[in-house]
Amino acid sequence: MAFVSPGPDERLRAIGLLGGLPPELRRAFTPDRDFDPVPPPGRHDWLSVARERGQSFERFTRAVSSRPDEARHHIYLQPLGDFSVEHLELLQHLQRFGSAFFARDVRLLATLPVEGSGITTRRNRYTEVMQLKTRDILRLLARQVPPDACCVLGVTPHDLYPHDTWSFVFGEALLQDRVGVFGVARYDPGFYGKPADDPTLVLRRSCKVLAHEACHMLGMLHCVFFNCLMNGSNHLSESDRRPLHLCPVDLRKLHWSLGFDIVDRYERLLTFWREAGVAPEAQWIARRLEYVKGR
């Protein structure tokens, strides 16, 4: 059955009632010109091949049994494999982005080597590039989640695959175990023999998948209501079309989970994107920040 985009009333119901919230939160969760409905999927896009029921804010709060607390406060990034100087710099950017996006401390763990880790490797039959098996990585991460972690996200410069019948995967997560992993290899145009014309492309793609996967580990499902960072994607060009920010439905879920100051979070994100040289996202954040402040 073809996907039908939810209408305006259904999108508002997904956000939930806003009465009783402080003015800044009401404005933050109110859809205006900054948020577009989810676009109709193309033939090979995610919503053409996957059935997504959609997760309203109310459904989310009923499904999530516990929220991160003082005992499980931190988000951890777990580097895996051999990192070049450029990849180490990317890790530092991802740590700063994660701290701004989730408005809480994001910590880097010591790098885990692939050799001797029990992670299965193979050569991709099409690209001849070495790949790591995500299922092995997830089991490894699940065995060593720090006691103060709300989630652990593995990051590797290597290509990934989930099982023998798949050619590759960008990332994968075990939601109940609060662990996930993603690889940045395919975010670099050089992987496909193309020039890297945009110096921010790998960073933007990596930030996007970090936030998307970590939100999954907080219990958030794919978004079907707005054009949103939490939209599913079936291929890289579809992922590139997703925005770098959350829609009102998923921003409200994140706020309910983590309890941050909404203005402070936007200000931290604005600083990050300006320093990273990503002008379109910085401009979007600046405009949204003024709206939330009521200016």
C-alpha atoms as a PDB file:
ATOM      1  CA  MET A   1       0.000   0.000   0.000  1.00  0.00           C
ATOM      2  CA  ALA A   2       1.437   3.378  -1.047  1.00  0.00           C
ATOM      3  CA  PHE A   3       2.506   5.771   1.712  1.00  0.00           C
ATOM      4  CA  VAL A   4       0.098   8.654   2.303  1.00  0.00           C
ATOM      5  CA  SER A   5       1.583  11.727   3.970  1.00  0.00           C
ATOM      6  CA  PRO A   6      -0.229  12.732   7.191  1.00  0.00           C
ATOM      7  CA  GLY A   7      -2.322  15.895   6.904  1.00  0.00           C
ATOM      8  CA  PRO A   8      -2.002  19.061   9.042  1.00  0.00           C
ATOM      9  CA  ASP A   9      -4.413  17.835  11.735  1.00  0.00           C
ATOM     10  CA  GLU A  10      -2.618  14.507  12.079  1.00  0.00           C
ATOM     11  CA  ARG A  11       0.730  16.279  12.352  1.00  0.00           C
ATOM     12  CA  LEU A  12      -0.622  18.480  15.150  1.00  0.00           C
ATOM     13  CA  ARG A  13      -2.007  15.434  16.971  1.00  0.00           C
ATOM     14  CA  ALA A  14       1.420  13.806  16.708  1.00  0.00           C
ATOM     15  CA  ILE A  15       2.976  16.804  18.498  1.00  0.00           C
ATOM     16  CA  GLY A  16       0.356  16.648  21.244  1.00  0.00           C
ATOM     17  CA  LEU A  17      -1.333  19.301  23.346  1.00  0.00           C
ATOM     18  CA  LEU A  18       0.928  22.216  24.256  1.00  0.00           C
ATOM     19  CA  GLY A  19      -1.250  23.992  26.817  1.00  0.00           C
ATOM     20  CA  GLY A  20       0.474  24.464  30.145  1.00  0.00           C
ATOM     21  CA  LEU A  21       3.974  24.485  28.668  1.00  0.00           C
ATOM     22  CA  PRO A  22       6.186  27.569  29.091  1.00  0.00           C
ATOM     23  CA  PRO A  23       5.956  30.016  26.144  1.00  0.00           C
ATOM     24  CA  GLU A  24       9.397  29.132  24.766  1.00  0.00           C
ATOM     25  CA  LEU A  25       8.551  25.431  24.664  1.00  0.00           C
ATOM     26  CA  ARG A  26       5.153  26.076  23.071  1.00  0.00           C
ATOM     27  CA  ARG A  27       6.873  28.046  20.319  1.00  0.00           C
ATOM     28  CA  ALA A  28       9.617  25.409  19.928  1.00  0.00           C
ATOM     29  CA  PHE A  29       7.040  22.655  19.371  1.00  0.00           C
ATOM     30  CA  THR A  30       4.761  24.719  17.111  1.00  0.00           C
ATOM     31  CA  PRO A  31       5.148  23.925  13.401  1.00  0.00           C
ATOM     32  CA  ASP A  32       5.525  27.031  11.265  1.00  0.00           C
ATOM     33  CA  ARG A  33       7.271  27.839   7.986  1.00  0.00           C
ATOM     34  CA  ASP A  34      10.503  26.250   9.283  1.00  0.00           C
ATOM     35  CA  PHE A  35       9.046  22.735   9.004  1.00  0.00           C
ATOM     36  CA  ASP A  36       7.796  21.048   5.841  1.00  0.00           C
ATOM     37  CA  PRO A  37       5.625  17.904   5.701  1.00  0.00           C
ATOM     38  CA  VAL A  38       7.448  14.682   4.894  1.00  0.00           C
ATOM     39  CA  PRO A  39       7.896  14.663   1.100  1.00  0.00           C
ATOM     40  CA  PRO A  40       6.303  11.950  -1.076  1.00  0.00           C
ATOM     41  CA  PRO A  41       8.816   9.097  -1.413  1.00  0.00           C
ATOM     42  CA  GLY A  42      10.436   8.165  -4.691  1.00  0.00           C
ATOM     43  CA  ARG A  43      10.284   4.601  -5.937  1.00  0.00           C
ATOM     44  CA  HIS A  44      13.461   3.507  -4.122  1.00  0.00           C
ATOM     45  CA  ASP A  45      13.047   5.713  -1.051  1.00  0.00           C
ATOM     46  CA  TRP A  46      12.518   4.376   2.461  1.00  0.00           C
ATOM     47  CA  LEU A  47       8.776   4.960   2.718  1.00  0.00           C
ATOM     48  CA  SER A  48       8.231   3.138  -0.569  1.00  0.00           C
ATOM     49  CA  VAL A  49       9.806  -0.068   0.740  1.00  0.00           C
ATOM     50  CA  ALA A  50       9.211   0.083   4.519  1.00  0.00           C
ATOM     51  CA  ARG A  51       5.929   0.265   6.378  1.00  0.00           C
ATOM     52  CA  GLU A  52       6.163   2.988   9.002  1.00  0.00           C
ATOM     53  CA  ARG A  53       3.255   3.523  11.361  1.00  0.00           C
ATOM     54  CA  GLY A  54       4.662   6.725  12.797  1.00  0.00           C
ATOM     55  CA  GLN A  55       5.361   7.499  16.434  1.00  0.00           C
ATOM     56  CA  SER A  56       3.502  10.405  17.999  1.00  0.00           C
ATOM     57  CA  PHE A  57       4.810  12.122  21.118  1.00  0.00           C
ATOM     58  CA  GLU A  58       2.105  10.419  23.188  1.00  0.00           C
ATOM     59  CA  ARG A  59       2.938   6.995  21.775  1.00  0.00           C
ATOM     60  CA  PHE A  60       6.616   7.618  22.497  1.00  0.00           C
ATOM     61  CA  THR A  61       6.029   8.496  26.152  1.00  0.00           C
ATOM     62  CA  ARG A  62       3.922   5.372  26.614  1.00  0.00           C
ATOM     63  CA  ALA A  63       6.533   3.122  25.001  1.00  0.00           C
ATOM     64  CA  VAL A  64       9.674   4.377  26.730  1.00  0.00           C
ATOM     65  CA  SER A  65       9.947   2.688  30.112  1.00  0.00           C
ATOM     66  CA  SER A  66      12.767   4.831  31.517  1.00  0.00           C
ATOM     67  CA  ARG A  67      14.594   8.043  30.739  1.00  0.00           C
ATOM     68  CA  PRO A  68      18.290   8.837  31.113  1.00  0.00           C
ATOM     69  CA  ASP A  69      18.949  10.078  34.639  1.00  0.00           C
ATOM     70  CA  GLU A  70      21.864  11.134  36.813  1.00  0.00           C
ATOM     71  CA  ALA A  71      23.028   7.521  36.982  1.00  0.00           C
ATOM     72  CA  ARG A  72      22.957   7.128  33.165  1.00  0.00           C
ATOM     73  CA  HIS A  73      23.744  10.615  31.982  1.00  0.00           C
ATOM     74  CA  HIS A  74      26.503  10.461  29.399  1.00  0.00           C
ATOM     75  CA  ILE A  75      26.589   9.674  25.686  1.00  0.00           C
ATOM     76  CA  TYR A  76      29.757   7.825  24.714  1.00  0.00           C
ATOM     77  CA  LEU A  77      31.462   7.615  21.337  1.00  0.00           C
ATOM     78  CA  GLN A  78      33.530   4.477  20.845  1.00  0.00           C
ATOM     79  CA  PRO A  79      36.172   4.771  18.075  1.00  0.00           C
ATOM     80  CA  LEU A  80      36.860   1.463  16.296  1.00  0.00           C
ATOM     81  CA  GLY A  81      39.774   0.681  13.995  1.00  0.00           C
ATOM     82  CA  ASP A  82      42.566   2.721  12.457  1.00  0.00           C
ATOM     83  CA  PHE A  83      41.996   6.483  12.409  1.00  0.00           C
ATOM     84  CA  SER A  84      43.860   8.901  10.156  1.00  0.00           C
ATOM     85  CA  VAL A  85      44.595  12.453  11.262  1.00  0.00           C
ATOM     86  CA  GLU A  86      41.517  13.605   9.334  1.00  0.00           C
ATOM     87  CA  HIS A  87      39.312  11.008  10.993  1.00  0.00           C
ATOM     88  CA  LEU A  88      40.607  11.946  14.448  1.00  0.00           C
ATOM     89  CA  GLU A  89      39.715  15.564  13.701  1.00  0.00           C
ATOM     90  CA  LEU A  90      36.254  14.426  12.597  1.00  0.00           C
ATOM     91  CA  LEU A  91      35.832  12.613  15.929  1.00  0.00           C
ATOM     92  CA  GLN A  92      36.531  15.841  17.802  1.00  0.00           C
ATOM     93  CA  HIS A  93      33.900  17.637  15.711  1.00  0.00           C
ATOM     94  CA  LEU A  94      31.397  14.844  16.358  1.00  0.00           C
ATOM     95  CA  GLN A  95      31.990  15.071  20.081  1.00  0.00           C
ATOM     96  CA  ARG A  96      31.313  18.829  20.048  1.00  0.00           C
ATOM     97  CA  PHE A  97      28.250  18.409  17.836  1.00  0.00           C
ATOM     98  CA  GLY A  98      26.810  15.662  20.023  1.00  0.00           C
ATOM     99  CA  SER A  99      27.289  17.780  23.127  1.00  0.00           C
ATOM    100  CA  ALA A 100      25.360  20.632  21.503  1.00  0.00           C
ATOM    101  CA  PHE A 101      22.625  18.513  19.903  1.00  0.00           C
ATOM    102  CA  PHE A 102      21.826  16.519  23.048  1.00  0.00           C
ATOM    103  CA  ALA A 103      22.730  19.340  25.457  1.00  0.00           C
ATOM    104  CA  ARG A 104      24.750  16.990  27.616  1.00  0.00           C
ATOM    105  CA  ASP A 105      28.268  15.651  27.967  1.00  0.00           C
ATOM    106  CA  VAL A 106      29.481  13.437  25.117  1.00  0.00           C
ATOM    107  CA  ARG A 107      32.610  11.471  25.981  1.00  0.00           C
ATOM    108  CA  LEU A 108      35.187   9.783  23.759  1.00  0.00           C
ATOM    109  CA  LEU A 109      36.334   6.317  24.789  1.00  0.00           C
ATOM    110  CA  ALA A 110      39.785   4.916  24.007  1.00  0.00           C
ATOM    111  CA  THR A 111      40.039   3.505  20.491  1.00  0.00           C
ATOM    112  CA  LEU A 112      39.377  -0.227  20.152  1.00  0.00           C
ATOM    113  CA  PRO A 113      41.584  -2.059  17.610  1.00  0.00           C
ATOM    114  CA  VAL A 114      39.886  -4.433  15.208  1.00  0.00           C
ATOM    115  CA  GLU A 115      42.609  -7.064  15.447  1.00  0.00           C
ATOM    116  CA  GLY A 116      41.983  -9.428  18.335  1.00  0.00           C
ATOM    117  CA  SER A 117      38.549  -7.928  19.063  1.00  0.00           C
ATOM    118  CA  GLY A 118      36.488 -10.805  17.688  1.00  0.00           C
ATOM    119  CA  ILE A 119      34.979  -8.574  14.991  1.00  0.00           C
ATOM    120  CA  THR A 120      34.564 -10.456  11.715  1.00  0.00           C
ATOM    121  CA  THR A 121      36.085  -8.772   8.645  1.00  0.00           C
ATOM    122  CA  ARG A 122      35.748  -9.408   4.935  1.00  0.00           C
ATOM    123  CA  ARG A 123      36.539  -7.843   1.573  1.00  0.00           C
ATOM    124  CA  ASN A 124      33.497  -6.455  -0.217  1.00  0.00           C
ATOM    125  CA  ARG A 125      33.110  -8.369  -3.446  1.00  0.00           C
ATOM    126  CA  TYR A 126      32.298  -5.228  -5.426  1.00  0.00           C
ATOM    127  CA  THR A 127      34.678  -2.644  -3.975  1.00  0.00           C
ATOM    128  CA  GLU A 128      37.425  -4.903  -2.516  1.00  0.00           C
ATOM    129  CA  VAL A 129      37.328  -2.615   0.548  1.00  0.00           C
ATOM    130  CA  MET A 130      37.711  -4.200   3.990  1.00  0.00           C
ATOM    131  CA  GLN A 131      34.461  -4.272   5.971  1.00  0.00           C
ATOM    132  CA  LEU A 132      33.571  -4.896   9.614  1.00  0.00           C
ATOM    133  CA  LYS A 133      30.533  -6.926  10.665  1.00  0.00           C
ATOM    134  CA  THR A 134      28.121  -4.736  12.628  1.00  0.00           C
ATOM    135  CA  ARG A 135      26.504  -7.604  14.552  1.00  0.00           C
ATOM    136  CA  ASP A 136      29.898  -8.470  16.083  1.00  0.00           C
ATOM    137  CA  ILE A 137      30.565  -4.819  16.912  1.00  0.00           C
ATOM    138  CA  LEU A 138      27.201  -4.416  18.631  1.00  0.00           C
ATOM    139  CA  ARG A 139      27.698  -7.526  20.756  1.00  0.00           C
ATOM    140  CA  LEU A 140      31.150  -6.239  21.742  1.00  0.00           C
ATOM    141  CA  LEU A 141      29.819  -2.799  22.683  1.00  0.00           C
ATOM    142  CA  ALA A 142      26.889  -4.262  24.618  1.00  0.00           C
ATOM    143  CA  ARG A 143      29.289  -6.206  26.858  1.00  0.00           C
ATOM    144  CA  GLN A 144      31.116  -3.076  27.980  1.00  0.00           C
ATOM    145  CA  VAL A 145      28.594  -0.243  28.281  1.00  0.00           C
ATOM    146  CA  PRO A 146      29.887   2.166  30.975  1.00  0.00           C
ATOM    147  CA  PRO A 147      27.573   2.247  34.027  1.00  0.00           C
ATOM    148  CA  ASP A 148      26.971   6.001  33.590  1.00  0.00           C
ATOM    149  CA  ALA A 149      26.100   5.734  29.870  1.00  0.00           C
ATOM    150  CA  CYS A 150      22.669   6.430  28.460  1.00  0.00           C
ATOM    151  CA  CYS A 151      24.020   5.029  25.174  1.00  0.00           C
ATOM    152  CA  VAL A 152      27.244   4.107  23.367  1.00  0.00           C
ATOM    153  CA  LEU A 153      27.739   4.771  19.667  1.00  0.00           C
ATOM    154  CA  GLY A 154      30.620   3.150  17.823  1.00  0.00           C
ATOM    155  CA  VAL A 155      32.343   5.213  15.117  1.00  0.00           C
ATOM    156  CA  THR A 156      34.687   3.701  12.565  1.00  0.00           C
ATOM    157  CA  PRO A 157      36.459   4.875   9.401  1.00  0.00           C
ATOM    158  CA  HIS A 158      35.901   1.392   7.960  1.00  0.00           C
ATOM    159  CA  ASP A 159      33.042   0.181   5.784  1.00  0.00           C
ATOM    160  CA  LEU A 160      30.367  -1.990   7.442  1.00  0.00           C
ATOM    161  CA  TYR A 161      28.073  -4.917   6.651  1.00  0.00           C
ATOM    162  CA  PRO A 162      25.366  -6.536   8.848  1.00  0.00           C
ATOM    163  CA  HIS A 163      25.438 -10.108   7.567  1.00  0.00           C
ATOM    164  CA  ASP A 164      26.762 -12.136   4.646  1.00  0.00           C
ATOM    165  CA  THR A 165      23.857 -11.525   2.259  1.00  0.00           C
ATOM    166  CA  TRP A 166      24.143  -7.718   2.427  1.00  0.00           C
ATOM    167  CA  SER A 167      26.686  -5.697   0.476  1.00  0.00           C
ATOM    168  CA  PHE A 168      27.005  -2.940   3.087  1.00  0.00           C
ATOM    169  CA  VAL A 169      25.213  -0.926   5.736  1.00  0.00           C
ATOM    170  CA  PHE A 170      25.836   2.633   6.935  1.00  0.00           C
ATOM    171  CA  GLY A 171      25.091   1.752  10.550  1.00  0.00           C
ATOM    172  CA  GLU A 172      23.033  -0.360  12.914  1.00  0.00           C
ATOM    173  CA  ALA A 173      21.811  -0.259  16.525  1.00  0.00           C
ATOM    174  CA  LEU A 174      20.501  -2.507  19.281  1.00  0.00           C
ATOM    175  CA  LEU A 175      17.958  -0.296  21.006  1.00  0.00           C
ATOM    176  CA  GLN A 176      17.429  -2.426  24.096  1.00  0.00           C
ATOM    177  CA  ASP A 177      21.178  -2.635  24.707  1.00  0.00           C
ATOM    178  CA  ARG A 178      21.635   1.112  24.062  1.00  0.00           C
ATOM    179  CA  VAL A 179      24.463   0.546  21.578  1.00  0.00           C
ATOM    180  CA  GLY A 180      24.921   1.425  17.927  1.00  0.00           C
ATOM    181  CA  VAL A 181      27.628   1.837  15.326  1.00  0.00           C
ATOM    182  CA  PHE A 182      28.146   3.741  12.096  1.00  0.00           C
ATOM    183  CA  GLY A 183      30.947   3.961   9.545  1.00  0.00           C
ATOM    184  CA  VAL A 184      32.050   7.145   7.792  1.00  0.00           C
ATOM    185  CA  ALA A 185      33.792   5.495   4.815  1.00  0.00           C
ATOM    186  CA  ARG A 186      30.878   5.926   2.396  1.00  0.00           C
ATOM    187  CA  TYR A 187      30.261   9.534   3.467  1.00  0.00           C
ATOM    188  CA  ASP A 188      33.441  10.587   1.665  1.00  0.00           C
ATOM    189  CA  PRO A 189      32.991  11.187  -2.105  1.00  0.00           C
ATOM    190  CA  GLY A 190      36.493   9.739  -2.522  1.00  0.00           C
ATOM    191  CA  PHE A 191      35.040   6.316  -1.690  1.00  0.00           C
ATOM    192  CA  TYR A 192      33.189   6.501  -5.026  1.00  0.00           C
ATOM    193  CA  GLY A 193      36.132   8.006  -6.901  1.00  0.00           C
ATOM    194  CA  LYS A 194      34.592  11.483  -6.885  1.00  0.00           C
ATOM    195  CA  PRO A 195      36.220  14.780  -5.911  1.00  0.00           C
ATOM    196  CA  ALA A 196      35.417  16.215  -2.486  1.00  0.00           C
ATOM    197  CA  ASP A 197      34.095  19.595  -3.635  1.00  0.00           C
ATOM    198  CA  ASP A 198      32.344  20.426  -0.346  1.00  0.00           C
ATOM    199  CA  PRO A 199      34.704  20.405   2.674  1.00  0.00           C
ATOM    200  CA  THR A 200      31.760  20.132   5.095  1.00  0.00           C
ATOM    201  CA  LEU A 201      30.011  17.185   3.410  1.00  0.00           C
ATOM    202  CA  VAL A 202      31.576  14.356   5.452  1.00  0.00           C
ATOM    203  CA  LEU A 203      31.020  16.296   8.679  1.00  0.00           C
ATOM    204  CA  ARG A 204      27.355  17.003   7.876  1.00  0.00           C
ATOM    205  CA  ARG A 205      26.665  13.401   6.920  1.00  0.00           C
ATOM    206  CA  SER A 206      28.441  12.097  10.023  1.00  0.00           C
ATOM    207  CA  CYS A 207      26.660  14.500  12.374  1.00  0.00           C
ATOM    208  CA  LYS A 208      23.360  13.507  10.841  1.00  0.00           C
ATOM    209  CA  VAL A 209      23.843   9.777  11.381  1.00  0.00           C
ATOM    210  CA  LEU A 210      25.245  10.279  14.895  1.00  0.00           C
ATOM    211  CA  ALA A 211      22.147  12.209  15.974  1.00  0.00           C
ATOM    212  CA  HIS A 212      19.768   9.859  14.123  1.00  0.00           C
ATOM    213  CA  GLU A 213      21.189   6.675  15.661  1.00  0.00           C
ATOM    214  CA  ALA A 214      21.511   8.117  19.174  1.00  0.00           C
ATOM    215  CA  CYS A 215      17.879   9.270  19.016  1.00  0.00           C
ATOM    216  CA  HIS A 216      16.911   5.717  18.079  1.00  0.00           C
ATOM    217  CA  MET A 217      18.703   4.492  21.198  1.00  0.00           C
ATOM    218  CA  LEU A 218      16.581   6.889  23.245  1.00  0.00           C
ATOM    219  CA  GLY A 219      13.492   5.128  21.896  1.00  0.00           C
ATOM    220  CA  MET A 220      12.614   7.392  18.959  1.00  0.00           C
ATOM    221  CA  LEU A 221      11.335   5.696  15.805  1.00  0.00           C
ATOM    222  CA  HIS A 222      11.413   7.007  12.243  1.00  0.00           C
ATOM    223  CA  CYS A 223       9.417  10.164  11.593  1.00  0.00           C
ATOM    224  CA  VAL A 224       6.612  10.162   9.013  1.00  0.00           C
ATOM    225  CA  PHE A 225       5.091  13.539   9.905  1.00  0.00           C
ATOM    226  CA  PHE A 226       7.632  16.160   8.810  1.00  0.00           C
ATOM    227  CA  ASN A 227      10.800  16.491   6.779  1.00  0.00           C
ATOM    228  CA  CYS A 228      13.016  15.573   9.725  1.00  0.00           C
ATOM    229  CA  LEU A 229      16.398  14.233  10.746  1.00  0.00           C
ATOM    230  CA  MET A 230      14.532  11.139  11.983  1.00  0.00           C
ATOM    231  CA  ASN A 231      13.131  10.250   8.547  1.00  0.00           C
ATOM    232  CA  GLY A 232      14.252   6.820   7.386  1.00  0.00           C
ATOM    233  CA  SER A 233      16.569   6.590   4.400  1.00  0.00           C
ATOM    234  CA  ASN A 234      17.229   3.789   1.952  1.00  0.00           C
ATOM    235  CA  HIS A 235      20.238   5.284   0.158  1.00  0.00           C
ATOM    236  CA  LEU A 236      22.782   8.074   0.499  1.00  0.00           C
ATOM    237  CA  SER A 237      21.030  10.645  -1.674  1.00  0.00           C
ATOM    238  CA  GLU A 238      17.846  10.212   0.376  1.00  0.00           C
ATOM    239  CA  SER A 239      19.855  10.656   3.563  1.00  0.00           C
ATOM    240  CA  ASP A 240      21.380  13.837   2.124  1.00  0.00           C
ATOM    241  CA  ARG A 241      17.887  15.253   1.605  1.00  0.00           C
ATOM    242  CA  ARG A 242      17.028  14.922   5.295  1.00  0.00           C
ATOM    243  CA  PRO A 243      17.567  18.091   7.335  1.00  0.00           C
ATOM    244  CA  LEU A 244      20.100  18.316  10.151  1.00  0.00           C
ATOM    245  CA  HIS A 245      17.456  19.203  12.713  1.00  0.00           C
ATOM    246  CA  LEU A 246      14.445  17.596  14.396  1.00  0.00           C
ATOM    247  CA  CYS A 247      10.819  18.375  13.646  1.00  0.00           C
ATOM    248  CA  PRO A 248       8.507  19.539  16.478  1.00  0.00           C
ATOM    249  CA  VAL A 249       7.331  15.974  17.194  1.00  0.00           C
ATOM    250  CA  ASP A 250      10.814  14.600  17.684  1.00  0.00           C
ATOM    251  CA  LEU A 251      12.224  17.698  19.351  1.00  0.00           C
ATOM    252  CA  ARG A 252       9.499  17.310  21.959  1.00  0.00           C
ATOM    253  CA  LYS A 253      10.458  13.649  22.444  1.00  0.00           C
ATOM    254  CA  LEU A 254      14.104  14.611  22.895  1.00  0.00           C
ATOM    255  CA  HIS A 255      13.219  17.335  25.370  1.00  0.00           C
ATOM    256  CA  TRP A 256      10.978  14.960  27.350  1.00  0.00           C
ATOM    257  CA  SER A 257      13.845  12.451  27.488  1.00  0.00           C
ATOM    258  CA  LEU A 258      16.707  14.791  28.390  1.00  0.00           C
ATOM    259  CA  GLY A 259      15.096  17.892  29.898  1.00  0.00           C
ATOM    260  CA  PHE A 260      17.424  20.554  28.448  1.00  0.00           C
ATOM    261  CA  ASP A 261      16.970  24.312  28.232  1.00  0.00           C
ATOM    262  CA  ILE A 262      15.558  24.795  24.725  1.00  0.00           C
ATOM    263  CA  VAL A 263      17.157  28.202  24.112  1.00  0.00           C
ATOM    264  CA  ASP A 264      20.566  27.096  25.414  1.00  0.00           C
ATOM    265  CA  ARG A 265      20.483  24.055  23.107  1.00  0.00           C
ATOM    266  CA  TYR A 266      19.750  26.167  20.035  1.00  0.00           C
ATOM    267  CA  GLU A 267      22.487  28.628  21.006  1.00  0.00           C
ATOM    268  CA  ARG A 268      25.027  25.826  21.343  1.00  0.00           C
ATOM    269  CA  LEU A 269      24.031  24.392  17.977  1.00  0.00           C
ATOM    270  CA  LEU A 270      24.270  27.828  16.393  1.00  0.00           C
ATOM    271  CA  THR A 271      27.819  28.228  17.690  1.00  0.00           C
ATOM    272  CA  PHE A 272      28.796  24.779  16.413  1.00  0.00           C
ATOM    273  CA  TRP A 273      27.448  25.239  12.870  1.00  0.00           C
ATOM    274  CA  ARG A 274      28.946  28.716  12.556  1.00  0.00           C
ATOM    275  CA  GLU A 275      32.368  27.466  13.630  1.00  0.00           C
ATOM    276  CA  ALA A 276      32.029  24.466  11.286  1.00  0.00           C
ATOM    277  CA  GLY A 277      31.270  26.770   8.357  1.00  0.00           C
ATOM    278  CA  VAL A 278      27.865  25.238   7.589  1.00  0.00           C
ATOM    279  CA  ALA A 279      26.019  28.454   6.768  1.00  0.00           C
ATOM    280  CA  PRO A 280      22.586  27.051   5.748  1.00  0.00           C
ATOM    281  CA  GLU A 281      22.123  25.187   9.030  1.00  0.00           C
ATOM    282  CA  ALA A 282      23.476  28.101  11.061  1.00  0.00           C
ATOM    283  CA  GLN A 283      20.974  30.408   9.343  1.00  0.00           C
ATOM    284  CA  TRP A 284      18.105  27.984  10.034  1.00  0.00           C
ATOM    285  CA  ILE A 285      19.065  27.677  13.699  1.00  0.00           C
ATOM    286  CA  ALA A 286      19.416  31.460  14.076  1.00  0.00           C
ATOM    287  CA  ARG A 287      15.953  32.030  12.586  1.00  0.00           C
ATOM    288  CA  ARG A 288      14.417  29.306  14.746  1.00  0.00           C
ATOM    289  CA  LEU A 289      16.116  30.654  17.851  1.00  0.00           C
ATOM    290  CA  GLU A 290      14.594  34.077  17.339  1.00  0.00           C
ATOM    291  CA  TYR A 291      11.151  32.527  16.901  1.00  0.00           C
ATOM    292  CA  VAL A 292      11.489  30.433  20.058  1.00  0.00           C
ATOM    293  CA  LYS A 293      12.543  33.512  22.006  1.00  0.00           C
ATOM    294  CA  GLY A 294       9.402  35.274  20.751  1.00  0.00           C
ATOM    295  CA  ARG A 295      11.201  37.973  18.798  1.00  0.00           C
END
